[in-house]
Amino acid sequence: MIRTVIADDHAIVRQGLRQILEAQPDFEVVGEAAHYGEVMQLVRHIPCDVLVLDIAMPGKNGIETLKQIKRELPKLPVLILSMYPEDQYAVRALKAGAAGYLTKMSAAEQLVGALRQVARGRKYITPELAESLAESIGGDTDAPAHERLSDREFQTLRLIAGGRTLTQIGEELSLSPKTVSVYRARLLAKLQLATNAELTRYALENGLVE
């Protein structure tokens, strides 16, 4: 049996994933988590073979959670299942240690196949993601400027463009407003922008916010 933990902040998503997996003869869902603290509690104390992890979660987002898991449990395969398109987070997730990346638009059969693959110790990469990885490794000069941002800078970019204040961003990322201000200054410099309005326009033009 492939013992699976599901981590997503939406109960209806967790329930749907559980139904999909438990309809298979070789899967057992051994735990569910809605936020960072619950994820870490489960993977530390309940033996599991694979973790399904969302990116947009309270406490720490999926990338930060993934990094912590790989520090403590480097051999645990983690499949990122996110609402965000592959071109936004997939390469970052794989570099942080994910075994694969799927969007929530994927078919149930694709999810099951991906989990079986990563549970066997292999990576799951779609053709589109493989192309993005090749461009990333090759240092594609046509790659958009935001791909040069650190994970924290990228998070800050999306949150500012989404209308959050520095204080709100600090609360969401568990950082001080001063630290958030530093990330803002860095990403503005890297993107060669001057104001939040320009940053928001950039994010909209590049499909980084909904």
N, C-alpha and C. Protein backbone atom coordinates (compact mmCIF):
# COMPACT_ATOMS: atom_id res chain seq x y z
N MET A 1 0.83 -1.20 0.00
CA MET A 1 0.00 0.00 0.00
C MET A 1 0.87 1.25 0.00
N ILE A 2 0.43 2.25 -0.75
CA ILE A 2 1.12 3.54 -0.77
C ILE A 2 0.46 4.44 0.26
N ARG A 3 1.12 4.59 1.40
CA ARG A 3 0.57 5.40 2.49
C ARG A 3 0.75 6.88 2.15
N THR A 4 -0.37 7.61 2.11
CA THR A 4 -0.37 8.97 1.58
C THR A 4 -0.89 9.96 2.60
N VAL A 5 -0.23 11.12 2.70
CA VAL A 5 -0.72 12.25 3.48
C VAL A 5 -1.14 13.34 2.50
N ILE A 6 -2.31 13.94 2.74
CA ILE A 6 -2.84 15.00 1.89
C ILE A 6 -2.80 16.32 2.65
N ALA A 7 -2.15 17.33 2.08
CA ALA A 7 -2.05 18.64 2.73
C ALA A 7 -2.63 19.71 1.82
N ASP A 8 -3.77 20.24 2.22
CA ASP A 8 -4.43 21.31 1.47
C ASP A 8 -5.33 22.04 2.45
N ASP A 9 -5.42 23.37 2.32
CA ASP A 9 -6.20 24.13 3.29
C ASP A 9 -7.70 24.09 3.03
N HIS A 10 -8.13 23.48 1.93
CA HIS A 10 -9.56 23.38 1.64
C HIS A 10 -10.06 21.96 1.92
N ALA A 11 -11.02 21.84 2.85
CA ALA A 11 -11.52 20.53 3.25
C ALA A 11 -12.14 19.78 2.08
N ILE A 12 -12.82 20.51 1.20
CA ILE A 12 -13.48 19.85 0.07
C ILE A 12 -12.45 19.26 -0.90
N VAL A 13 -11.30 19.92 -1.03
CA VAL A 13 -10.23 19.38 -1.89
C VAL A 13 -9.65 18.12 -1.26
N ARG A 14 -9.41 18.17 0.04
CA ARG A 14 -8.87 16.98 0.73
C ARG A 14 -9.83 15.80 0.60
N GLN A 15 -11.12 16.07 0.76
CA GLN A 15 -12.11 15.01 0.66
C GLN A 15 -12.14 14.40 -0.74
N GLY A 16 -12.04 15.28 -1.75
CA GLY A 16 -12.03 14.79 -3.13
C GLY A 16 -10.80 13.94 -3.42
N LEU A 17 -9.65 14.40 -2.94
CA LEU A 17 -8.41 13.64 -3.15
C LEU A 17 -8.47 12.29 -2.43
N ARG A 18 -9.00 12.31 -1.23
CA ARG A 18 -9.12 11.05 -0.47
C ARG A 18 -10.00 10.05 -1.23
N GLN A 19 -11.12 10.52 -1.77
CA GLN A 19 -12.02 9.62 -2.51
C GLN A 19 -11.33 9.05 -3.75
N ILE A 20 -10.58 9.90 -4.45
CA ILE A 20 -9.86 9.43 -5.65
C ILE A 20 -8.86 8.35 -5.28
N LEU A 21 -8.08 8.59 -4.22
CA LEU A 21 -7.01 7.66 -3.86
C LEU A 21 -7.55 6.38 -3.24
N GLU A 22 -8.56 6.51 -2.39
CA GLU A 22 -9.05 5.32 -1.70
C GLU A 22 -9.90 4.43 -2.62
N ALA A 23 -10.21 4.95 -3.83
CA ALA A 23 -10.88 4.11 -4.83
C ALA A 23 -9.88 3.19 -5.52
N GLN A 24 -8.58 3.44 -5.26
CA GLN A 24 -7.52 2.61 -5.85
C GLN A 24 -7.14 1.49 -4.88
N PRO A 25 -6.78 0.34 -5.39
CA PRO A 25 -6.47 -0.78 -4.49
C PRO A 25 -5.14 -0.66 -3.77
N ASP A 26 -4.27 0.24 -4.24
CA ASP A 26 -2.92 0.31 -3.68
C ASP A 26 -2.63 1.59 -2.90
N PHE A 27 -3.68 2.35 -2.54
CA PHE A 27 -3.47 3.59 -1.79
C PHE A 27 -4.20 3.55 -0.45
N GLU A 28 -3.56 4.14 0.55
CA GLU A 28 -4.18 4.33 1.85
C GLU A 28 -3.87 5.75 2.33
N VAL A 29 -4.89 6.55 2.58
CA VAL A 29 -4.69 7.91 3.09
C VAL A 29 -4.55 7.82 4.61
N VAL A 30 -3.37 8.16 5.11
CA VAL A 30 -3.08 7.99 6.54
C VAL A 30 -3.17 9.29 7.32
N GLY A 31 -3.42 10.42 6.61
CA GLY A 31 -3.53 11.68 7.33
C GLY A 31 -3.88 12.83 6.41
N GLU A 32 -4.50 13.87 7.00
CA GLU A 32 -4.82 15.10 6.27
C GLU A 32 -4.34 16.29 7.09
N ALA A 33 -3.90 17.33 6.39
CA ALA A 33 -3.41 18.53 7.06
C ALA A 33 -3.94 19.76 6.34
N ALA A 34 -4.24 20.82 7.13
CA ALA A 34 -4.78 22.05 6.56
C ALA A 34 -3.79 23.21 6.61
N HIS A 35 -2.70 23.05 7.37
CA HIS A 35 -1.72 24.13 7.45
C HIS A 35 -0.34 23.56 7.82
N TYR A 36 0.65 24.43 7.81
CA TYR A 36 2.04 24.02 8.02
C TYR A 36 2.23 23.17 9.28
N GLY A 37 1.68 23.63 10.40
CA GLY A 37 1.88 22.91 11.66
C GLY A 37 1.36 21.49 11.60
N GLU A 38 0.18 21.32 10.99
CA GLU A 38 -0.40 19.98 10.89
C GLU A 38 0.42 19.09 9.95
N VAL A 39 0.91 19.68 8.86
CA VAL A 39 1.74 18.90 7.93
C VAL A 39 2.95 18.34 8.65
N MET A 40 3.66 19.21 9.35
CA MET A 40 4.89 18.78 10.01
C MET A 40 4.60 17.76 11.10
N GLN A 41 3.52 17.96 11.83
CA GLN A 41 3.14 17.01 12.88
C GLN A 41 2.90 15.63 12.29
N LEU A 42 2.20 15.57 11.17
CA LEU A 42 1.87 14.29 10.54
C LEU A 42 3.12 13.58 10.02
N VAL A 43 3.91 14.29 9.22
CA VAL A 43 5.06 13.61 8.60
C VAL A 43 6.12 13.22 9.62
N ARG A 44 6.15 13.92 10.75
CA ARG A 44 7.11 13.56 11.80
C ARG A 44 6.69 12.32 12.58
N HIS A 45 5.38 12.08 12.68
CA HIS A 45 4.91 11.04 13.58
C HIS A 45 4.13 9.90 12.93
N ILE A 46 3.73 10.06 11.67
CA ILE A 46 2.99 8.99 11.00
C ILE A 46 3.78 8.52 9.79
N PRO A 47 4.16 7.24 9.74
CA PRO A 47 4.91 6.74 8.57
C PRO A 47 4.07 6.91 7.30
N CYS A 48 4.68 7.48 6.28
CA CYS A 48 3.98 7.63 5.00
C CYS A 48 4.98 7.46 3.86
N ASP A 49 4.43 7.14 2.69
CA ASP A 49 5.27 6.89 1.51
C ASP A 49 5.31 8.06 0.56
N VAL A 50 4.31 8.94 0.64
CA VAL A 50 4.26 10.10 -0.25
C VAL A 50 3.37 11.18 0.36
N LEU A 51 3.72 12.43 0.07
CA LEU A 51 2.95 13.58 0.55
C LEU A 51 2.43 14.36 -0.65
N VAL A 52 1.12 14.64 -0.66
CA VAL A 52 0.52 15.54 -1.64
C VAL A 52 0.41 16.90 -0.98
N LEU A 53 1.07 17.92 -1.55
CA LEU A 53 1.20 19.21 -0.87
C LEU A 53 0.73 20.35 -1.76
N ASP A 54 -0.15 21.18 -1.22
CA ASP A 54 -0.59 22.39 -1.91
C ASP A 54 0.43 23.50 -1.68
N ILE A 55 0.42 24.52 -2.55
CA ILE A 55 1.34 25.65 -2.36
C ILE A 55 0.72 26.73 -1.49
N ALA A 56 -0.54 27.09 -1.76
CA ALA A 56 -1.17 28.20 -1.05
C ALA A 56 -1.78 27.68 0.26
N MET A 57 -0.98 27.73 1.32
CA MET A 57 -1.45 27.25 2.62
C MET A 57 -1.13 28.25 3.72
N PRO A 58 -1.95 28.29 4.79
CA PRO A 58 -1.68 29.21 5.91
C PRO A 58 -0.40 28.83 6.65
N GLY A 59 0.15 29.79 7.36
CA GLY A 59 1.37 29.56 8.15
C GLY A 59 2.59 29.76 7.30
N LYS A 60 2.99 28.72 6.59
CA LYS A 60 4.06 28.82 5.60
C LYS A 60 3.52 28.26 4.30
N ASN A 61 3.91 28.85 3.19
CA ASN A 61 3.39 28.32 1.93
C ASN A 61 4.07 27.00 1.60
N GLY A 62 3.58 26.36 0.54
CA GLY A 62 4.05 25.02 0.21
C GLY A 62 5.53 24.92 -0.08
N ILE A 63 6.11 25.94 -0.70
CA ILE A 63 7.54 25.90 -1.01
C ILE A 63 8.36 25.91 0.27
N GLU A 64 7.99 26.79 1.21
CA GLU A 64 8.71 26.84 2.49
C GLU A 64 8.50 25.54 3.28
N THR A 65 7.27 25.03 3.25
CA THR A 65 6.99 23.76 3.93
C THR A 65 7.80 22.63 3.30
N LEU A 66 7.86 22.62 1.99
CA LEU A 66 8.63 21.61 1.27
C LEU A 66 10.10 21.64 1.69
N LYS A 67 10.67 22.82 1.76
CA LYS A 67 12.09 22.94 2.13
C LYS A 67 12.32 22.38 3.54
N GLN A 68 11.39 22.66 4.47
CA GLN A 68 11.54 22.15 5.83
C GLN A 68 11.42 20.63 5.86
N ILE A 69 10.48 20.09 5.09
CA ILE A 69 10.31 18.64 5.03
C ILE A 69 11.57 17.97 4.48
N LYS A 70 12.15 18.55 3.43
CA LYS A 70 13.35 17.94 2.83
C LYS A 70 14.55 18.03 3.77
N ARG A 71 14.55 19.03 4.66
CA ARG A 71 15.63 19.10 5.66
C ARG A 71 15.48 17.96 6.68
N GLU A 72 14.24 17.70 7.10
CA GLU A 72 14.00 16.70 8.14
C GLU A 72 13.82 15.29 7.58
N LEU A 73 13.16 15.19 6.43
CA LEU A 73 12.86 13.87 5.85
C LEU A 73 13.23 13.89 4.36
N PRO A 74 14.51 13.92 4.07
CA PRO A 74 14.96 14.09 2.68
C PRO A 74 14.49 13.01 1.72
N LYS A 75 14.16 11.82 2.24
CA LYS A 75 13.76 10.72 1.36
C LYS A 75 12.25 10.66 1.11
N LEU A 76 11.47 11.50 1.77
CA LEU A 76 10.02 11.47 1.58
C LEU A 76 9.65 12.15 0.26
N PRO A 77 9.04 11.42 -0.69
CA PRO A 77 8.64 12.04 -1.95
C PRO A 77 7.46 13.00 -1.74
N VAL A 78 7.57 14.18 -2.31
CA VAL A 78 6.51 15.18 -2.19
C VAL A 78 6.03 15.57 -3.59
N LEU A 79 4.73 15.37 -3.83
CA LEU A 79 4.13 15.81 -5.09
C LEU A 79 3.36 17.09 -4.82
N ILE A 80 3.76 18.16 -5.49
CA ILE A 80 3.04 19.44 -5.37
C ILE A 80 1.80 19.39 -6.25
N LEU A 81 0.65 19.69 -5.65
CA LEU A 81 -0.62 19.77 -6.40
C LEU A 81 -1.19 21.16 -6.15
N SER A 82 -1.17 21.99 -7.18
CA SER A 82 -1.45 23.41 -6.98
C SER A 82 -2.43 23.97 -8.00
N MET A 83 -3.09 25.05 -7.62
CA MET A 83 -3.95 25.78 -8.56
C MET A 83 -3.12 26.62 -9.52
N TYR A 84 -1.85 26.87 -9.16
CA TYR A 84 -1.01 27.74 -9.98
C TYR A 84 -0.46 26.99 -11.19
N PRO A 85 -0.44 27.63 -12.36
CA PRO A 85 0.11 26.99 -13.56
C PRO A 85 1.58 26.62 -13.36
N GLU A 86 2.02 25.64 -14.13
CA GLU A 86 3.40 25.15 -14.00
C GLU A 86 4.43 26.26 -14.19
N ASP A 87 4.14 27.20 -15.11
CA ASP A 87 5.15 28.22 -15.41
C ASP A 87 5.38 29.19 -14.27
N GLN A 88 4.53 29.15 -13.22
CA GLN A 88 4.72 30.05 -12.10
C GLN A 88 5.56 29.44 -10.98
N TYR A 89 5.29 28.18 -10.65
CA TYR A 89 5.91 27.61 -9.45
C TYR A 89 6.64 26.29 -9.66
N ALA A 90 6.42 25.61 -10.77
CA ALA A 90 6.90 24.24 -10.90
C ALA A 90 8.42 24.12 -10.79
N VAL A 91 9.14 24.97 -11.52
CA VAL A 91 10.61 24.89 -11.48
C VAL A 91 11.11 25.19 -10.08
N ARG A 92 10.51 26.19 -9.42
CA ARG A 92 10.91 26.51 -8.04
C ARG A 92 10.66 25.32 -7.12
N ALA A 93 9.52 24.65 -7.32
CA ALA A 93 9.18 23.51 -6.47
C ALA A 93 10.18 22.37 -6.65
N LEU A 94 10.54 22.06 -7.89
CA LEU A 94 11.49 20.98 -8.14
C LEU A 94 12.87 21.32 -7.59
N LYS A 95 13.27 22.58 -7.73
CA LYS A 95 14.57 22.98 -7.18
C LYS A 95 14.58 22.90 -5.66
N ALA A 96 13.39 23.06 -5.05
CA ALA A 96 13.29 22.98 -3.59
C ALA A 96 13.19 21.54 -3.09
N GLY A 97 13.08 20.58 -4.03
CA GLY A 97 13.09 19.18 -3.62
C GLY A 97 11.85 18.38 -3.94
N ALA A 98 10.85 19.00 -4.62
CA ALA A 98 9.64 18.25 -4.97
C ALA A 98 9.97 17.12 -5.94
N ALA A 99 9.21 16.03 -5.84
CA ALA A 99 9.39 14.90 -6.75
C ALA A 99 8.55 15.08 -8.01
N GLY A 100 7.61 16.02 -7.97
CA GLY A 100 6.78 16.27 -9.14
C GLY A 100 5.85 17.45 -8.89
N TYR A 101 5.19 17.89 -9.95
CA TYR A 101 4.29 19.05 -9.86
C TYR A 101 3.11 18.83 -10.79
N LEU A 102 1.92 18.97 -10.25
CA LEU A 102 0.69 18.88 -11.04
C LEU A 102 -0.22 20.05 -10.69
N THR A 103 -1.01 20.49 -11.66
CA THR A 103 -2.03 21.50 -11.35
C THR A 103 -3.33 20.79 -10.99
N LYS A 104 -4.22 21.51 -10.32
CA LYS A 104 -5.50 20.93 -9.91
C LYS A 104 -6.45 20.75 -11.09
N MET A 105 -6.02 21.19 -12.26
CA MET A 105 -6.80 20.95 -13.47
C MET A 105 -6.52 19.55 -14.04
N SER A 106 -5.55 18.87 -13.47
CA SER A 106 -5.16 17.55 -13.99
C SER A 106 -6.26 16.52 -13.75
N ALA A 107 -6.30 15.50 -14.59
CA ALA A 107 -7.27 14.41 -14.45
C ALA A 107 -6.88 13.53 -13.26
N ALA A 108 -7.88 12.87 -12.68
CA ALA A 108 -7.64 12.00 -11.54
C ALA A 108 -6.64 10.89 -11.88
N GLU A 109 -6.75 10.36 -13.10
CA GLU A 109 -5.84 9.29 -13.52
C GLU A 109 -4.39 9.77 -13.55
N GLN A 110 -4.20 11.04 -13.96
CA GLN A 110 -2.85 11.60 -14.01
C GLN A 110 -2.28 11.74 -12.61
N LEU A 111 -3.11 12.16 -11.66
CA LEU A 111 -2.68 12.29 -10.27
C LEU A 111 -2.26 10.94 -9.71
N VAL A 112 -3.09 9.92 -9.91
CA VAL A 112 -2.80 8.59 -9.40
C VAL A 112 -1.50 8.06 -10.01
N GLY A 113 -1.34 8.23 -11.31
CA GLY A 113 -0.12 7.78 -11.98
C GLY A 113 1.12 8.50 -11.47
N ALA A 114 0.98 9.81 -11.24
CA ALA A 114 2.11 10.60 -10.74
C ALA A 114 2.51 10.13 -9.35
N LEU A 115 1.53 9.88 -8.49
CA LEU A 115 1.83 9.45 -7.13
C LEU A 115 2.48 8.07 -7.11
N ARG A 116 2.01 7.18 -7.97
CA ARG A 116 2.66 5.86 -8.04
C ARG A 116 4.11 6.00 -8.48
N GLN A 117 4.34 6.92 -9.40
CA GLN A 117 5.70 7.10 -9.91
C GLN A 117 6.63 7.67 -8.86
N VAL A 118 6.20 8.72 -8.15
CA VAL A 118 7.09 9.34 -7.15
C VAL A 118 7.25 8.43 -5.94
N ALA A 119 6.23 7.61 -5.63
CA ALA A 119 6.35 6.66 -4.51
C ALA A 119 7.42 5.62 -4.79
N ARG A 120 7.70 5.36 -6.09
CA ARG A 120 8.76 4.41 -6.46
C ARG A 120 10.13 5.08 -6.51
N GLY A 121 10.18 6.34 -6.11
CA GLY A 121 11.46 7.03 -6.06
C GLY A 121 11.84 7.76 -7.34
N ARG A 122 10.89 7.88 -8.27
CA ARG A 122 11.17 8.56 -9.53
C ARG A 122 10.54 9.96 -9.53
N LYS A 123 11.00 10.81 -10.44
CA LYS A 123 10.42 12.14 -10.61
C LYS A 123 9.22 12.05 -11.55
N TYR A 124 8.25 12.94 -11.33
CA TYR A 124 7.14 13.05 -12.28
C TYR A 124 7.19 14.44 -12.92
N ILE A 125 7.45 14.47 -14.21
CA ILE A 125 7.61 15.74 -14.91
C ILE A 125 6.81 15.70 -16.21
N THR A 126 5.92 16.66 -16.39
CA THR A 126 5.15 16.74 -17.63
C THR A 126 6.05 17.26 -18.74
N PRO A 127 5.69 17.06 -20.00
CA PRO A 127 6.51 17.60 -21.11
C PRO A 127 6.69 19.11 -21.01
N GLU A 128 5.64 19.82 -20.59
CA GLU A 128 5.74 21.29 -20.46
C GLU A 128 6.75 21.68 -19.39
N LEU A 129 6.73 20.94 -18.28
CA LEU A 129 7.67 21.23 -17.20
C LEU A 129 9.09 20.87 -17.61
N ALA A 130 9.25 19.80 -18.36
CA ALA A 130 10.58 19.41 -18.84
C ALA A 130 11.18 20.53 -19.68
N GLU A 131 10.36 21.15 -20.50
CA GLU A 131 10.84 22.26 -21.33
C GLU A 131 11.25 23.45 -20.48
N SER A 132 10.44 23.75 -19.45
CA SER A 132 10.78 24.85 -18.55
C SER A 132 12.08 24.59 -17.81
N LEU A 133 12.27 23.33 -17.39
CA LEU A 133 13.50 22.97 -16.69
C LEU A 133 14.72 23.11 -17.61
N ALA A 134 14.56 22.68 -18.84
CA ALA A 134 15.67 22.78 -19.80
C ALA A 134 16.06 24.23 -20.01
N GLU A 135 15.06 25.09 -20.10
CA GLU A 135 15.34 26.51 -20.29
C GLU A 135 16.01 27.10 -19.05
N SER A 136 15.55 26.64 -17.87
CA SER A 136 16.13 27.13 -16.62
C SER A 136 17.59 26.72 -16.49
N ILE A 137 17.88 25.45 -16.80
CA ILE A 137 19.26 24.96 -16.70
C ILE A 137 20.15 25.62 -17.74
N GLY A 138 19.57 25.87 -18.90
CA GLY A 138 20.35 26.46 -19.98
C GLY A 138 20.55 27.95 -19.87
N GLY A 139 19.92 28.54 -18.83
CA GLY A 139 20.08 29.98 -18.66
C GLY A 139 19.48 30.75 -19.82
N ASP A 140 18.25 30.40 -20.17
CA ASP A 140 17.56 31.02 -21.30
C ASP A 140 17.53 32.54 -21.15
N THR A 141 18.14 33.23 -22.10
CA THR A 141 18.21 34.70 -22.01
C THR A 141 16.86 35.35 -22.26
N ASP A 142 15.92 34.59 -22.84
CA ASP A 142 14.59 35.14 -23.07
C ASP A 142 13.65 34.90 -21.90
N ALA A 143 14.13 34.26 -20.84
CA ALA A 143 13.29 33.99 -19.68
C ALA A 143 12.88 35.31 -19.03
N PRO A 144 11.63 35.39 -18.52
CA PRO A 144 11.17 36.63 -17.89
C PRO A 144 11.99 36.98 -16.65
N ALA A 145 12.04 38.27 -16.37
CA ALA A 145 12.88 38.75 -15.27
C ALA A 145 12.47 38.17 -13.93
N HIS A 146 11.17 37.90 -13.72
CA HIS A 146 10.74 37.42 -12.40
C HIS A 146 11.28 36.03 -12.07
N GLU A 147 11.77 35.29 -13.07
CA GLU A 147 12.35 33.98 -12.78
C GLU A 147 13.69 34.09 -12.06
N ARG A 148 14.26 35.29 -12.04
CA ARG A 148 15.52 35.50 -11.32
C ARG A 148 15.29 35.85 -9.85
N LEU A 149 14.03 36.03 -9.47
CA LEU A 149 13.72 36.38 -8.08
C LEU A 149 13.87 35.16 -7.17
N SER A 150 14.23 35.41 -5.93
CA SER A 150 14.24 34.34 -4.94
C SER A 150 12.79 33.96 -4.63
N ASP A 151 12.60 32.84 -3.93
CA ASP A 151 11.24 32.42 -3.59
C ASP A 151 10.52 33.48 -2.76
N ARG A 152 11.21 34.06 -1.77
CA ARG A 152 10.61 35.09 -0.93
C ARG A 152 10.27 36.34 -1.74
N GLU A 153 11.17 36.73 -2.62
CA GLU A 153 10.92 37.90 -3.46
C GLU A 153 9.72 37.66 -4.38
N PHE A 154 9.62 36.44 -4.90
CA PHE A 154 8.51 36.11 -5.78
C PHE A 154 7.19 36.13 -5.01
N GLN A 155 7.20 35.58 -3.79
CA GLN A 155 6.00 35.64 -2.95
C GLN A 155 5.60 37.09 -2.68
N THR A 156 6.60 37.92 -2.35
CA THR A 156 6.33 39.32 -2.05
C THR A 156 5.75 40.04 -3.26
N LEU A 157 6.29 39.76 -4.42
CA LEU A 157 5.78 40.33 -5.67
C LEU A 157 4.30 40.01 -5.84
N ARG A 158 3.94 38.74 -5.70
CA ARG A 158 2.56 38.34 -5.93
C ARG A 158 1.62 38.96 -4.89
N LEU A 159 2.07 39.06 -3.66
CA LEU A 159 1.22 39.61 -2.61
C LEU A 159 1.03 41.12 -2.75
N ILE A 160 2.10 41.84 -3.10
CA ILE A 160 1.97 43.28 -3.34
C ILE A 160 1.02 43.52 -4.52
N ALA A 161 1.22 42.76 -5.58
CA ALA A 161 0.36 42.90 -6.76
C ALA A 161 -1.09 42.54 -6.44
N GLY A 162 -1.27 41.71 -5.43
CA GLY A 162 -2.62 41.34 -5.00
C GLY A 162 -3.26 42.34 -4.06
N GLY A 163 -2.55 43.43 -3.79
CA GLY A 163 -3.12 44.50 -2.98
C GLY A 163 -2.79 44.46 -1.50
N ARG A 164 -1.92 43.56 -1.07
CA ARG A 164 -1.57 43.48 0.35
C ARG A 164 -0.61 44.61 0.73
N THR A 165 -0.73 45.08 1.97
CA THR A 165 0.23 46.04 2.52
C THR A 165 1.44 45.29 3.03
N LEU A 166 2.53 46.03 3.32
CA LEU A 166 3.73 45.37 3.85
C LEU A 166 3.44 44.68 5.17
N THR A 167 2.59 45.32 6.00
CA THR A 167 2.23 44.72 7.29
C THR A 167 1.46 43.42 7.09
N GLN A 168 0.51 43.43 6.16
CA GLN A 168 -0.27 42.22 5.88
C GLN A 168 0.61 41.10 5.32
N ILE A 169 1.55 41.50 4.44
CA ILE A 169 2.47 40.50 3.87
C ILE A 169 3.34 39.91 4.98
N GLY A 170 3.82 40.77 5.88
CA GLY A 170 4.63 40.29 6.99
C GLY A 170 3.89 39.28 7.84
N GLU A 171 2.60 39.56 8.11
CA GLU A 171 1.79 38.63 8.91
C GLU A 171 1.61 37.30 8.18
N GLU A 172 1.39 37.38 6.87
CA GLU A 172 1.14 36.16 6.08
C GLU A 172 2.39 35.30 5.97
N LEU A 173 3.57 35.96 5.87
CA LEU A 173 4.81 35.22 5.68
C LEU A 173 5.60 35.05 6.98
N SER A 174 5.02 35.53 8.09
CA SER A 174 5.70 35.47 9.40
C SER A 174 7.03 36.21 9.37
N LEU A 175 7.00 37.41 8.78
CA LEU A 175 8.17 38.27 8.69
C LEU A 175 7.83 39.65 9.24
N SER A 176 8.85 40.41 9.61
CA SER A 176 8.61 41.79 10.03
C SER A 176 8.37 42.66 8.80
N PRO A 177 7.59 43.76 8.92
CA PRO A 177 7.39 44.67 7.79
C PRO A 177 8.71 45.20 7.23
N LYS A 178 9.71 45.37 8.12
CA LYS A 178 11.02 45.85 7.66
C LYS A 178 11.67 44.83 6.72
N THR A 179 11.57 43.56 7.07
CA THR A 179 12.13 42.51 6.21
C THR A 179 11.40 42.45 4.87
N VAL A 180 10.08 42.58 4.92
CA VAL A 180 9.29 42.59 3.69
C VAL A 180 9.70 43.76 2.82
N SER A 181 9.98 44.90 3.46
CA SER A 181 10.41 46.08 2.72
C SER A 181 11.73 45.82 1.99
N VAL A 182 12.61 45.05 2.63
CA VAL A 182 13.89 44.69 1.99
C VAL A 182 13.63 43.84 0.76
N TYR A 183 12.75 42.85 0.89
CA TYR A 183 12.41 42.00 -0.26
C TYR A 183 11.80 42.84 -1.39
N ARG A 184 10.94 43.78 -1.01
CA ARG A 184 10.32 44.66 -2.02
C ARG A 184 11.39 45.45 -2.76
N ALA A 185 12.34 46.01 -2.03
CA ALA A 185 13.39 46.80 -2.66
C ALA A 185 14.22 45.94 -3.61
N ARG A 186 14.52 44.72 -3.19
CA ARG A 186 15.32 43.82 -4.04
C ARG A 186 14.59 43.46 -5.32
N LEU A 187 13.31 43.12 -5.19
CA LEU A 187 12.60 42.68 -6.40
C LEU A 187 12.35 43.86 -7.34
N LEU A 188 12.13 45.05 -6.80
CA LEU A 188 11.99 46.22 -7.67
C LEU A 188 13.28 46.47 -8.45
N ALA A 189 14.41 46.29 -7.77
CA ALA A 189 15.70 46.49 -8.44
C ALA A 189 15.91 45.45 -9.52
N LYS A 190 15.60 44.18 -9.21
CA LYS A 190 15.81 43.12 -10.19
C LYS A 190 14.89 43.27 -11.41
N LEU A 191 13.68 43.78 -11.17
CA LEU A 191 12.73 43.94 -12.27
C LEU A 191 12.84 45.31 -12.93
N GLN A 192 13.72 46.15 -12.38
CA GLN A 192 13.93 47.51 -12.90
C GLN A 192 12.63 48.29 -12.89
N LEU A 193 11.94 48.23 -11.76
CA LEU A 193 10.70 48.96 -11.55
C LEU A 193 10.88 49.92 -10.39
N ALA A 194 9.96 50.91 -10.28
CA ALA A 194 10.14 51.93 -9.26
C ALA A 194 9.01 51.98 -8.23
N THR A 195 7.80 51.59 -8.60
CA THR A 195 6.66 51.75 -7.71
C THR A 195 5.82 50.48 -7.64
N ASN A 196 4.94 50.44 -6.63
CA ASN A 196 4.02 49.30 -6.52
C ASN A 196 3.08 49.22 -7.71
N ALA A 197 2.72 50.38 -8.26
CA ALA A 197 1.82 50.39 -9.42
C ALA A 197 2.50 49.72 -10.62
N GLU A 198 3.78 50.02 -10.84
CA GLU A 198 4.52 49.40 -11.93
C GLU A 198 4.66 47.89 -11.68
N LEU A 199 4.89 47.54 -10.42
CA LEU A 199 5.03 46.14 -10.07
C LEU A 199 3.72 45.38 -10.33
N THR A 200 2.61 46.00 -9.95
CA THR A 200 1.30 45.38 -10.17
C THR A 200 1.03 45.20 -11.66
N ARG A 201 1.37 46.20 -12.46
CA ARG A 201 1.18 46.11 -13.90
C ARG A 201 2.03 44.97 -14.47
N TYR A 202 3.27 44.87 -14.00
CA TYR A 202 4.16 43.80 -14.46
C TYR A 202 3.55 42.43 -14.13
N ALA A 203 3.06 42.29 -12.90
CA ALA A 203 2.49 41.01 -12.47
C ALA A 203 1.27 40.64 -13.32
N LEU A 204 0.43 41.61 -13.62
CA LEU A 204 -0.76 41.36 -14.43
C LEU A 204 -0.37 40.98 -15.86
N GLU A 205 0.60 41.70 -16.42
CA GLU A 205 1.01 41.43 -17.79
C GLU A 205 1.64 40.05 -17.94
N ASN A 206 2.25 39.55 -16.85
CA ASN A 206 2.91 38.25 -16.90
C ASN A 206 2.08 37.13 -16.27
N GLY A 207 0.81 37.43 -15.97
CA GLY A 207 -0.08 36.41 -15.45
C GLY A 207 0.29 35.87 -14.09
N LEU A 208 0.89 36.72 -13.24
CA LEU A 208 1.33 36.26 -11.91
C LEU A 208 0.28 36.44 -10.85
N VAL A 209 -0.77 37.16 -11.15
CA VAL A 209 -1.91 37.31 -10.22
C VAL A 209 -3.18 37.08 -11.02
N GLU A 210 -4.22 36.69 -10.28
CA GLU A 210 -5.48 36.42 -10.95
C GLU A 210 -6.30 37.69 -11.09
